[in-house]
PDB file of all heavy atoms in Angstrom:
ATOM      1  N   ASN A   1      15.547  10.560  21.950  1.00  0.00           N
ATOM      2  CA  ASN A   1      14.909  11.119  20.675  1.00  0.00           C
ATOM      3  C   ASN A   1      15.807  10.711  19.508  1.00  0.00           C
ATOM      4  O   ASN A   1      15.276  10.780  18.341  1.00  0.00           O
ATOM      5  CB  ASN A   1      14.714  12.552  20.696  1.00  0.00           C
ATOM      6  CG  ASN A   1      13.659  12.983  21.741  1.00  0.00           C
ATOM      7  OD1 ASN A   1      12.734  12.308  21.978  1.00  0.00           O
ATOM      8  ND2 ASN A   1      13.791  14.204  22.318  1.00  0.00           N
ATOM      9  N   ARG A   2      17.031  10.413  19.736  1.00  0.00           N
ATOM     10  CA  ARG A   2      17.864  10.048  18.608  1.00  0.00           C
ATOM     11  C   ARG A   2      17.445   8.659  18.008  1.00  0.00           C
ATOM     12  O   ARG A   2      17.799   8.387  16.871  1.00  0.00           O
ATOM     13  CB  ARG A   2      19.338   9.973  19.103  1.00  0.00           C
ATOM     14  CG  ARG A   2      19.978  11.292  19.374  1.00  0.00           C
ATOM     15  CD  ARG A   2      21.343  11.105  19.929  1.00  0.00           C
ATOM     16  NE  ARG A   2      22.188  10.291  19.125  1.00  0.00           N
ATOM     17  CZ  ARG A   2      23.413   9.906  19.475  1.00  0.00           C
ATOM     18  NH1 ARG A   2      23.935  10.188  20.660  1.00  0.00           N
ATOM     19  NH2 ARG A   2      24.125   9.265  18.627  1.00  0.00           N
ATOM     20  N   PHE A   3      16.817   7.828  18.763  1.00  0.00           N
ATOM     21  CA  PHE A   3      16.402   6.468  18.302  1.00  0.00           C
ATOM     22  C   PHE A   3      14.900   6.471  18.157  1.00  0.00           C
ATOM     23  O   PHE A   3      14.151   6.886  19.036  1.00  0.00           O
ATOM     24  CB  PHE A   3      16.892   5.374  19.326  1.00  0.00           C
ATOM     25  CG  PHE A   3      18.379   5.370  19.499  1.00  0.00           C
ATOM     26  CD1 PHE A   3      18.913   6.102  20.550  1.00  0.00           C
ATOM     27  CD2 PHE A   3      19.202   4.734  18.576  1.00  0.00           C
ATOM     28  CE1 PHE A   3      20.267   6.060  20.774  1.00  0.00           C
ATOM     29  CE2 PHE A   3      20.519   4.747  18.766  1.00  0.00           C
ATOM     30  CZ  PHE A   3      21.075   5.390  19.895  1.00  0.00           C
ATOM     31  N   LYS A   4      14.460   5.911  17.008  1.00  0.00           N
ATOM     32  CA  LYS A   4      12.994   5.795  16.735  1.00  0.00           C
ATOM     33  C   LYS A   4      12.468   4.503  17.350  1.00  0.00           C
ATOM     34  O   LYS A   4      13.210   3.567  17.520  1.00  0.00           O
ATOM     35  CB  LYS A   4      12.811   5.803  15.226  1.00  0.00           C
ATOM     36  CG  LYS A   4      13.355   6.959  14.521  1.00  0.00           C
ATOM     37  CD  LYS A   4      12.529   8.199  14.843  1.00  0.00           C
ATOM     38  CE  LYS A   4      13.056   9.410  13.954  1.00  0.00           C
ATOM     39  NZ  LYS A   4      12.204  10.634  14.219  1.00  0.00           N
ATOM     40  N   SER A   5      11.218   4.542  17.618  1.00  0.00           N
ATOM     41  CA  SER A   5      10.598   3.320  18.279  1.00  0.00           C
ATOM     42  C   SER A   5      10.402   2.283  17.214  1.00  0.00           C
ATOM     43  O   SER A   5      10.133   2.502  16.021  1.00  0.00           O
ATOM     44  CB  SER A   5       9.157   3.750  18.835  1.00  0.00           C
ATOM     45  OG  SER A   5       8.572   2.620  19.277  1.00  0.00           O
ATOM     46  N   ILE A   6      10.479   1.002  17.662  1.00  0.00           N
ATOM     47  CA  ILE A   6      10.258  -0.137  16.735  1.00  0.00           C
ATOM     48  C   ILE A   6       8.871  -0.411  16.574  1.00  0.00           C
ATOM     49  O   ILE A   6       8.465  -1.352  15.758  1.00  0.00           O
ATOM     50  CB  ILE A   6      11.078  -1.353  17.254  1.00  0.00           C
ATOM     51  CG1 ILE A   6      10.525  -1.798  18.654  1.00  0.00           C
ATOM     52  CG2 ILE A   6      12.612  -1.029  17.291  1.00  0.00           C
ATOM     53  CD1 ILE A   6      11.129  -3.135  19.066  1.00  0.00           C
ATOM     54  N   GLN A   7       7.947   0.123  17.389  1.00  0.00           N
ATOM     55  CA  GLN A   7       6.591  -0.121  17.340  1.00  0.00           C
ATOM     56  C   GLN A   7       5.958   0.941  16.350  1.00  0.00           C
ATOM     57  O   GLN A   7       6.038   2.100  16.580  1.00  0.00           O
ATOM     58  CB  GLN A   7       5.864  -0.043  18.666  1.00  0.00           C
ATOM     59  CG  GLN A   7       6.448  -1.008  19.681  1.00  0.00           C
ATOM     60  CD  GLN A   7       6.176  -2.464  19.316  1.00  0.00           C
ATOM     61  OE1 GLN A   7       5.189  -2.763  18.612  1.00  0.00           O
ATOM     62  NE2 GLN A   7       7.076  -3.307  19.718  1.00  0.00           N
ATOM     63  N   VAL A   8       5.399   0.407  15.269  1.00  0.00           N
ATOM     64  CA  VAL A   8       4.782   1.303  14.222  1.00  0.00           C
ATOM     65  C   VAL A   8       3.287   0.910  14.108  1.00  0.00           C
ATOM     66  O   VAL A   8       2.917  -0.232  14.011  1.00  0.00           O
ATOM     67  CB  VAL A   8       5.377   1.079  12.836  1.00  0.00           C
ATOM     68  CG1 VAL A   8       4.825   1.987  11.804  1.00  0.00           C
ATOM     69  CG2 VAL A   8       6.964   1.321  12.938  1.00  0.00           C
ATOM     70  N   GLU A   9       2.462   1.954  14.219  1.00  0.00           N
ATOM     71  CA  GLU A   9       0.998   1.772  14.193  1.00  0.00           C
ATOM     72  C   GLU A   9       0.501   2.178  12.805  1.00  0.00           C
ATOM     73  O   GLU A   9       0.855   3.257  12.270  1.00  0.00           O
ATOM     74  CB  GLU A   9       0.333   2.613  15.277  1.00  0.00           C
ATOM     75  CG  GLU A   9       0.735   2.153  16.695  1.00  0.00           C
ATOM     76  CD  GLU A   9       0.020   2.946  17.779  1.00  0.00           C
ATOM     77  OE1 GLU A   9      -0.748   3.858  17.339  1.00  0.00           O
ATOM     78  OE2 GLU A   9       0.253   2.734  18.895  1.00  0.00           O
ATOM     79  N   ARG A  10      -0.416   1.379  12.287  1.00  0.00           N
ATOM     80  CA  ARG A  10      -1.058   1.563  11.025  1.00  0.00           C
ATOM     81  C   ARG A  10      -2.566   1.472  11.183  1.00  0.00           C
ATOM     82  O   ARG A  10      -2.988   0.554  11.844  1.00  0.00           O
ATOM     83  CB  ARG A  10      -0.556   0.681   9.901  1.00  0.00           C
ATOM     84  CG  ARG A  10       0.819   1.061   9.394  1.00  0.00           C
ATOM     85  CD  ARG A  10       0.690   2.312   8.534  1.00  0.00           C
ATOM     86  NE  ARG A  10       1.956   2.619   7.770  1.00  0.00           N
ATOM     87  CZ  ARG A  10       2.932   3.416   8.261  1.00  0.00           C
ATOM     88  NH1 ARG A  10       2.767   3.930   9.478  1.00  0.00           N
ATOM     89  NH2 ARG A  10       3.937   3.698   7.619  1.00  0.00           N
ATOM     90  N   LEU A  11      -3.354   2.358  10.591  1.00  0.00           N
ATOM     91  CA  LEU A  11      -4.828   2.246  10.644  1.00  0.00           C
ATOM     92  C   LEU A  11      -5.305   0.981   9.858  1.00  0.00           C
ATOM     93  O   LEU A  11      -6.097   0.228  10.431  1.00  0.00           O
ATOM     94  CB  LEU A  11      -5.511   3.448   9.981  1.00  0.00           C
ATOM     95  CG  LEU A  11      -6.922   3.564  10.064  1.00  0.00           C
ATOM     96  CD1 LEU A  11      -7.424   3.632  11.521  1.00  0.00           C
ATOM     97  CD2 LEU A  11      -7.472   4.722   9.340  1.00  0.00           C
ATOM     98  N   VAL A  12      -4.715   0.629   8.733  1.00  0.00           N
ATOM     99  CA  VAL A  12      -5.023  -0.492   8.014  1.00  0.00           C
ATOM    100  C   VAL A  12      -3.782  -1.428   8.136  1.00  0.00           C
ATOM    101  O   VAL A  12      -2.726  -0.978   7.924  1.00  0.00           O
ATOM    102  CB  VAL A  12      -5.298  -0.248   6.552  1.00  0.00           C
ATOM    103  CG1 VAL A  12      -5.615  -1.470   5.790  1.00  0.00           C
ATOM    104  CG2 VAL A  12      -6.402   0.819   6.429  1.00  0.00           C
ATOM    105  N   PRO A  13      -4.017  -2.683   8.604  1.00  0.00           N
ATOM    106  CA  PRO A  13      -2.852  -3.585   8.728  1.00  0.00           C
ATOM    107  C   PRO A  13      -2.074  -3.790   7.384  1.00  0.00           C
ATOM    108  O   PRO A  13      -2.657  -3.835   6.362  1.00  0.00           O
ATOM    109  CB  PRO A  13      -3.512  -4.890   9.251  1.00  0.00           C
ATOM    110  CG  PRO A  13      -4.790  -4.489   9.843  1.00  0.00           C
ATOM    111  CD  PRO A  13      -5.225  -3.321   9.011  1.00  0.00           C
ATOM    112  N   VAL A  14      -0.766  -3.861   7.554  1.00  0.00           N
ATOM    113  CA  VAL A  14       0.083  -4.015   6.397  1.00  0.00           C
ATOM    114  C   VAL A  14       0.180  -5.479   6.043  1.00  0.00           C
ATOM    115  O   VAL A  14       0.326  -6.321   6.899  1.00  0.00           O
ATOM    116  CB  VAL A  14       1.487  -3.342   6.629  1.00  0.00           C
ATOM    117  CG1 VAL A  14       2.387  -3.592   5.395  1.00  0.00           C
ATOM    118  CG2 VAL A  14       1.311  -1.966   6.959  1.00  0.00           C
ATOM    119  N   GLU A  15       0.137  -5.747   4.737  1.00  0.00           N
ATOM    120  CA  GLU A  15       0.247  -7.190   4.268  1.00  0.00           C
ATOM    121  C   GLU A  15       1.752  -7.467   3.893  1.00  0.00           C
ATOM    122  O   GLU A  15       2.422  -6.596   3.342  1.00  0.00           O
ATOM    123  CB  GLU A  15      -0.650  -7.431   3.086  1.00  0.00           C
ATOM    124  CG  GLU A  15      -2.128  -7.313   3.372  1.00  0.00           C
ATOM    125  CD  GLU A  15      -3.016  -7.603   2.173  1.00  0.00           C
ATOM    126  OE1 GLU A  15      -2.452  -7.936   1.134  1.00  0.00           O
ATOM    127  OE2 GLU A  15      -4.189  -7.499   2.296  1.00  0.00           O
ATOM    128  N   PHE A  16       2.170  -8.681   4.199  1.00  0.00           N
ATOM    129  CA  PHE A  16       3.582  -8.974   3.991  1.00  0.00           C
ATOM    130  C   PHE A  16       3.640 -10.255   3.129  1.00  0.00           C
ATOM    131  O   PHE A  16       2.782 -11.132   3.189  1.00  0.00           O
ATOM    132  CB  PHE A  16       4.343  -9.302   5.303  1.00  0.00           C
ATOM    133  CG  PHE A  16       4.366  -8.045   6.227  1.00  0.00           C
ATOM    134  CD1 PHE A  16       3.396  -7.888   7.209  1.00  0.00           C
ATOM    135  CD2 PHE A  16       5.436  -7.137   6.077  1.00  0.00           C
ATOM    136  CE1 PHE A  16       3.453  -6.801   8.001  1.00  0.00           C
ATOM    137  CE2 PHE A  16       5.497  -6.060   6.963  1.00  0.00           C
ATOM    138  CZ  PHE A  16       4.516  -5.859   7.864  1.00  0.00           C
ATOM    139  N   ASP A  17       4.654 -10.303   2.265  1.00  0.00           N
ATOM    140  CA  ASP A  17       5.068 -11.479   1.525  1.00  0.00           C
ATOM    141  C   ASP A  17       6.540 -11.683   1.830  1.00  0.00           C
ATOM    142  O   ASP A  17       7.414 -11.164   1.044  1.00  0.00           O
ATOM    143  CB  ASP A  17       4.742 -11.334   0.072  1.00  0.00           C
ATOM    144  CG  ASP A  17       4.888 -12.635  -0.704  1.00  0.00           C
ATOM    145  OD1 ASP A  17       5.481 -13.654  -0.017  1.00  0.00           O
ATOM    146  OD2 ASP A  17       4.619 -12.692  -1.898  1.00  0.00           O
ATOM    147  N   LEU A  18       6.888 -12.397   2.879  1.00  0.00           N
ATOM    148  CA  LEU A  18       8.275 -12.475   3.329  1.00  0.00           C
ATOM    149  C   LEU A  18       9.071 -13.308   2.387  1.00  0.00           C
ATOM    150  O   LEU A  18      10.270 -13.244   2.372  1.00  0.00           O
ATOM    151  CB  LEU A  18       8.267 -13.073   4.751  1.00  0.00           C
ATOM    152  CG  LEU A  18       7.570 -12.232   5.780  1.00  0.00           C
ATOM    153  CD1 LEU A  18       7.667 -12.938   7.198  1.00  0.00           C
ATOM    154  CD2 LEU A  18       8.151 -10.819   5.898  1.00  0.00           C
ATOM    155  N   GLY A  19       8.434 -14.161   1.570  1.00  0.00           N
ATOM    156  CA  GLY A  19       9.217 -14.893   0.581  1.00  0.00           C
ATOM    157  C   GLY A  19       9.865 -14.002  -0.419  1.00  0.00           C
ATOM    158  O   GLY A  19      10.929 -14.338  -0.904  1.00  0.00           O
ATOM    159  N   LEU A  20       9.228 -12.854  -0.723  1.00  0.00           N
ATOM    160  CA  LEU A  20       9.804 -11.895  -1.657  1.00  0.00           C
ATOM    161  C   LEU A  20      10.381 -10.652  -0.960  1.00  0.00           C
ATOM    162  O   LEU A  20      10.889  -9.719  -1.604  1.00  0.00           O
ATOM    163  CB  LEU A  20       8.689 -11.386  -2.595  1.00  0.00           C
ATOM    164  CG  LEU A  20       8.144 -12.385  -3.594  1.00  0.00           C
ATOM    165  CD1 LEU A  20       6.959 -11.761  -4.387  1.00  0.00           C
ATOM    166  CD2 LEU A  20       9.252 -12.841  -4.574  1.00  0.00           C
ATOM    167  N   LEU A  21      10.339 -10.692   0.406  1.00  0.00           N
ATOM    168  CA  LEU A  21      10.884  -9.550   1.241  1.00  0.00           C
ATOM    169  C   LEU A  21      10.104  -8.329   0.855  1.00  0.00           C
ATOM    170  O   LEU A  21      10.782  -7.247   0.489  1.00  0.00           O
ATOM    171  CB  LEU A  21      12.376  -9.375   1.149  1.00  0.00           C
ATOM    172  CG  LEU A  21      13.239 -10.569   1.686  1.00  0.00           C
ATOM    173  CD1 LEU A  21      14.706 -10.212   1.394  1.00  0.00           C
ATOM    174  CD2 LEU A  21      12.958 -10.714   3.159  1.00  0.00           C
ATOM    175  N   ALA A  22       8.774  -8.370   0.732  1.00  0.00           N
ATOM    176  CA  ALA A  22       8.024  -7.276   0.275  1.00  0.00           C
ATOM    177  C   ALA A  22       6.849  -7.046   1.274  1.00  0.00           C
ATOM    178  O   ALA A  22       6.327  -8.027   1.969  1.00  0.00           O
ATOM    179  CB  ALA A  22       7.443  -7.575  -1.093  1.00  0.00           C
ATOM    180  N   CYS A  23       6.396  -5.806   1.405  1.00  0.00           N
ATOM    181  CA  CYS A  23       5.281  -5.416   2.284  1.00  0.00           C
ATOM    182  C   CYS A  23       4.431  -4.430   1.475  1.00  0.00           C
ATOM    183  O   CYS A  23       4.862  -3.656   0.600  1.00  0.00           O
ATOM    184  CB  CYS A  23       5.681  -4.792   3.617  1.00  0.00           C
ATOM    185  SG  CYS A  23       6.593  -3.227   3.415  1.00  0.00           S
ATOM    186  N   PHE A  24       3.076  -4.562   1.690  1.00  0.00           N
ATOM    187  CA  PHE A  24       2.098  -3.756   0.924  1.00  0.00           C
ATOM    188  C   PHE A  24       1.358  -2.878   1.866  1.00  0.00           C
ATOM    189  O   PHE A  24       0.514  -3.395   2.660  1.00  0.00           O
ATOM    190  CB  PHE A  24       1.197  -4.667   0.124  1.00  0.00           C
ATOM    191  CG  PHE A  24       1.948  -5.657  -0.732  1.00  0.00           C
ATOM    192  CD1 PHE A  24       2.231  -6.926  -0.333  1.00  0.00           C
ATOM    193  CD2 PHE A  24       2.473  -5.272  -2.043  1.00  0.00           C
ATOM    194  CE1 PHE A  24       2.952  -7.816  -1.140  1.00  0.00           C
ATOM    195  CE2 PHE A  24       3.095  -6.165  -2.846  1.00  0.00           C
ATOM    196  CZ  PHE A  24       3.347  -7.459  -2.362  1.00  0.00           C
ATOM    197  N   ASP A  25       1.493  -1.642   1.829  1.00  0.00           N
ATOM    198  CA  ASP A  25       0.892  -0.695   2.709  1.00  0.00           C
ATOM    199  C   ASP A  25      -0.151   0.080   1.899  1.00  0.00           C
ATOM    200  O   ASP A  25       0.185   0.832   0.928  1.00  0.00           O
ATOM    201  CB  ASP A  25       1.897   0.317   3.262  1.00  0.00           C
ATOM    202  CG  ASP A  25       1.301   1.190   4.411  1.00  0.00           C
ATOM    203  OD1 ASP A  25       0.200   1.004   4.685  1.00  0.00           O
ATOM    204  OD2 ASP A  25       2.076   1.977   5.007  1.00  0.00           O
ATOM    205  N   VAL A  26      -1.429  -0.051   2.258  1.00  0.00           N
ATOM    206  CA  VAL A  26      -2.530   0.561   1.524  1.00  0.00           C
ATOM    207  C   VAL A  26      -3.067   1.723   2.226  1.00  0.00           C
ATOM    208  O   VAL A  26      -4.164   2.246   1.856  1.00  0.00           O
ATOM    209  CB  VAL A  26      -3.629  -0.472   1.167  1.00  0.00           C
ATOM    210  CG1 VAL A  26      -3.162  -1.564   0.335  1.00  0.00           C
ATOM    211  CG2 VAL A  26      -4.138  -1.090   2.502  1.00  0.00           C
ATOM    212  N   ASN A  27      -2.452   2.216   3.302  1.00  0.00           N
ATOM    213  CA  ASN A  27      -2.891   3.367   4.010  1.00  0.00           C
ATOM    214  C   ASN A  27      -2.728   4.645   3.132  1.00  0.00           C
ATOM    215  O   ASN A  27      -1.899   4.768   2.371  1.00  0.00           O
ATOM    216  CB  ASN A  27      -2.130   3.544   5.307  1.00  0.00           C
ATOM    217  CG  ASN A  27      -2.477   2.418   6.287  1.00  0.00           C
ATOM    218  OD1 ASN A  27      -3.429   2.535   7.029  1.00  0.00           O
ATOM    219  ND2 ASN A  27      -1.639   1.371   6.305  1.00  0.00           N
ATOM    220  N   MET A  28      -3.639   5.614   3.445  1.00  0.00           N
ATOM    221  CA  MET A  28      -3.637   6.840   2.685  1.00  0.00           C
ATOM    222  C   MET A  28      -2.435   7.733   3.030  1.00  0.00           C
ATOM    223  O   MET A  28      -1.975   7.684   4.124  1.00  0.00           O
ATOM    224  CB  MET A  28      -4.955   7.611   2.969  1.00  0.00           C
ATOM    225  CG  MET A  28      -6.180   6.899   2.599  1.00  0.00           C
ATOM    226  SD  MET A  28      -6.295   6.670   0.710  1.00  0.00           S
ATOM    227  CE  MET A  28      -6.486   8.359   0.187  1.00  0.00           C
ATOM    228  N   ILE A  29      -1.928   8.460   2.035  1.00  0.00           N
ATOM    229  CA  ILE A  29      -0.816   9.345   2.260  1.00  0.00           C
ATOM    230  C   ILE A  29      -1.323  10.781   2.537  1.00  0.00           C
ATOM    231  O   ILE A  29      -2.327  11.172   1.826  1.00  0.00           O
ATOM    232  CB  ILE A  29       0.094   9.315   0.998  1.00  0.00           C
ATOM    233  CG1 ILE A  29       0.737   7.904   0.777  1.00  0.00           C
ATOM    234  CG2 ILE A  29       1.233  10.288   1.103  1.00  0.00           C
ATOM    235  CD1 ILE A  29       1.579   7.767  -0.461  1.00  0.00           C
ATOM    236  N   ASP A  30      -0.730  11.492   3.401  1.00  0.00           N
ATOM    237  CA  ASP A  30      -1.158  12.815   3.770  1.00  0.00           C
ATOM    238  C   ASP A  30      -0.782  13.771   2.580  1.00  0.00           C
ATOM    239  O   ASP A  30       0.356  14.059   2.310  1.00  0.00           O
ATOM    240  CB  ASP A  30      -0.502  13.203   5.022  1.00  0.00           C
ATOM    241  CG  ASP A  30      -1.071  14.623   5.569  1.00  0.00           C
ATOM    242  OD1 ASP A  30      -1.941  15.091   4.894  1.00  0.00           O
ATOM    243  OD2 ASP A  30      -0.591  15.022   6.627  1.00  0.00           O
ATOM    244  N   GLU A  31      -1.806  14.219   1.871  1.00  0.00           N
ATOM    245  CA  GLU A  31      -1.519  15.053   0.746  1.00  0.00           C
ATOM    246  C   GLU A  31      -0.990  16.434   1.117  1.00  0.00           C
ATOM    247  O   GLU A  31      -0.259  17.128   0.408  1.00  0.00           O
ATOM    248  CB  GLU A  31      -2.827  15.220  -0.130  1.00  0.00           C
ATOM    249  CG  GLU A  31      -3.282  13.987  -0.765  1.00  0.00           C
ATOM    250  CD  GLU A  31      -4.472  14.197  -1.677  1.00  0.00           C
ATOM    251  OE1 GLU A  31      -4.951  15.335  -1.706  1.00  0.00           O
ATOM    252  OE2 GLU A  31      -5.066  13.197  -2.163  1.00  0.00           O
ATOM    253  N   ALA A  32      -1.379  16.890   2.340  1.00  0.00           N
ATOM    254  CA  ALA A  32      -0.883  18.183   2.752  1.00  0.00           C
ATOM    255  C   ALA A  32       0.627  18.149   2.955  1.00  0.00           C
ATOM    256  O   ALA A  32       1.313  19.164   2.663  1.00  0.00           O
ATOM    257  CB  ALA A  32      -1.590  18.553   4.139  1.00  0.00           C
ATOM    258  N   GLN A  33       1.213  17.075   3.410  1.00  0.00           N
ATOM    259  CA  GLN A  33       2.634  16.913   3.574  1.00  0.00           C
ATOM    260  C   GLN A  33       3.321  16.930   2.223  1.00  0.00           C
ATOM    261  O   GLN A  33       4.411  17.393   2.103  1.00  0.00           O
ATOM    262  CB  GLN A  33       2.931  15.635   4.380  1.00  0.00           C
ATOM    263  CG  GLN A  33       2.419  15.619   5.815  1.00  0.00           C
ATOM    264  CD  GLN A  33       3.360  16.580   6.647  1.00  0.00           C
ATOM    265  OE1 GLN A  33       4.377  17.007   6.247  1.00  0.00           O
ATOM    266  NE2 GLN A  33       2.815  16.902   7.831  1.00  0.00           N
ATOM    267  N   LEU A  34       2.645  16.362   1.171  1.00  0.00           N
ATOM    268  CA  LEU A  34       3.288  16.249  -0.095  1.00  0.00           C
ATOM    269  C   LEU A  34       3.308  17.621  -0.794  1.00  0.00           C
ATOM    270  O   LEU A  34       4.129  17.965  -1.590  1.00  0.00           O
ATOM    271  CB  LEU A  34       2.470  15.244  -1.002  1.00  0.00           C
ATOM    272  CG  LEU A  34       2.537  13.828  -0.550  1.00  0.00           C
ATOM    273  CD1 LEU A  34       1.675  12.912  -1.528  1.00  0.00           C
ATOM    274  CD2 LEU A  34       3.985  13.328  -0.527  1.00  0.00           C
ATOM    275  N   ARG A  35       2.320  18.505  -0.414  1.00  0.00           N
ATOM    276  CA  ARG A  35       2.300  19.857  -1.003  1.00  0.00           C
ATOM    277  C   ARG A  35       3.095  20.917  -0.165  1.00  0.00           C
ATOM    278  O   ARG A  35       3.225  22.004  -0.536  1.00  0.00           O
ATOM    279  CB  ARG A  35       0.808  20.379  -1.095  1.00  0.00           C
ATOM    280  CG  ARG A  35      -0.105  19.523  -1.992  1.00  0.00           C
ATOM    281  CD  ARG A  35      -1.383  20.318  -2.229  1.00  0.00           C
ATOM    282  NE  ARG A  35      -2.309  19.580  -3.066  1.00  0.00           N
ATOM    283  CZ  ARG A  35      -3.232  18.794  -2.611  1.00  0.00           C
ATOM    284  NH1 ARG A  35      -3.488  18.631  -1.261  1.00  0.00           N
ATOM    285  NH2 ARG A  35      -4.030  18.104  -3.422  1.00  0.00           N
ATOM    286  N   ALA A  36       3.673  20.398   0.901  1.00  0.00           N
ATOM    287  CA  ALA A  36       4.500  21.354   1.709  1.00  0.00           C
ATOM    288  C   ALA A  36       5.746  21.628   1.081  1.00  0.00           C
ATOM    289  O   ALA A  36       6.027  21.279  -0.130  1.00  0.00           O
ATOM    290  CB  ALA A  36       4.662  20.743   3.101  1.00  0.00           C
ATOM    291  N   SER A  37       6.661  22.229   1.815  1.00  0.00           N
ATOM    292  CA  SER A  37       7.986  22.575   1.205  1.00  0.00           C
ATOM    293  C   SER A  37       8.821  21.285   0.937  1.00  0.00           C
ATOM    294  O   SER A  37       8.469  20.230   1.445  1.00  0.00           O
ATOM    295  CB  SER A  37       8.716  23.475   2.189  1.00  0.00           C
ATOM    296  OG  SER A  37       8.924  22.822   3.490  1.00  0.00           O
ATOM    297  N   GLN A  38       9.804  21.497   0.178  1.00  0.00           N
ATOM    298  CA  GLN A  38      10.624  20.295  -0.210  1.00  0.00           C
ATOM    299  C   GLN A  38      11.211  19.659   0.982  1.00  0.00           C
ATOM    300  O   GLN A  38      11.273  18.403   1.112  1.00  0.00           O
ATOM    301  CB  GLN A  38      11.644  20.735  -1.224  1.00  0.00           C
ATOM    302  CG  GLN A  38      12.481  19.539  -1.701  1.00  0.00           C
ATOM    303  CD  GLN A  38      13.508  19.921  -2.783  1.00  0.00           C
ATOM    304  OE1 GLN A  38      13.549  21.087  -3.119  1.00  0.00           O
ATOM    305  NE2 GLN A  38      14.246  18.941  -3.314  1.00  0.00           N
ATOM    306  N   LYS A  39      11.686  20.372   1.973  1.00  0.00           N
ATOM    307  CA  LYS A  39      12.337  19.884   3.108  1.00  0.00           C
ATOM    308  C   LYS A  39      11.335  18.996   3.994  1.00  0.00           C
ATOM    309  O   LYS A  39      11.621  17.885   4.380  1.00  0.00           O
ATOM    310  CB  LYS A  39      12.958  20.936   3.945  1.00  0.00           C
ATOM    311  CG  LYS A  39      13.790  20.457   5.167  1.00  0.00           C
ATOM    312  CD  LYS A  39      14.378  21.626   5.806  1.00  0.00           C
ATOM    313  CE  LYS A  39      15.220  21.122   7.071  1.00  0.00           C
ATOM    314  NZ  LYS A  39      15.901  22.300   7.723  1.00  0.00           N
ATOM    315  N   ALA A  40      10.168  19.584   4.182  1.00  0.00           N
ATOM    316  CA  ALA A  40       9.182  18.859   4.856  1.00  0.00           C
ATOM    317  C   ALA A  40       8.628  17.623   4.142  1.00  0.00           C
ATOM    318  O   ALA A  40       8.408  16.615   4.774  1.00  0.00           O
ATOM    319  CB  ALA A  40       7.940  19.852   5.245  1.00  0.00           C
TER     320      ALA A  40
END
């Protein structure tokens, strides 16, 4: 549990521009998590 998995799943595939070392993730953010406590 101390180490996270290198396999990450996304509902919408993430677009990459490796020439700029940039990735574009258009997946929705969980608003419930954003309204939770500061620690969460």
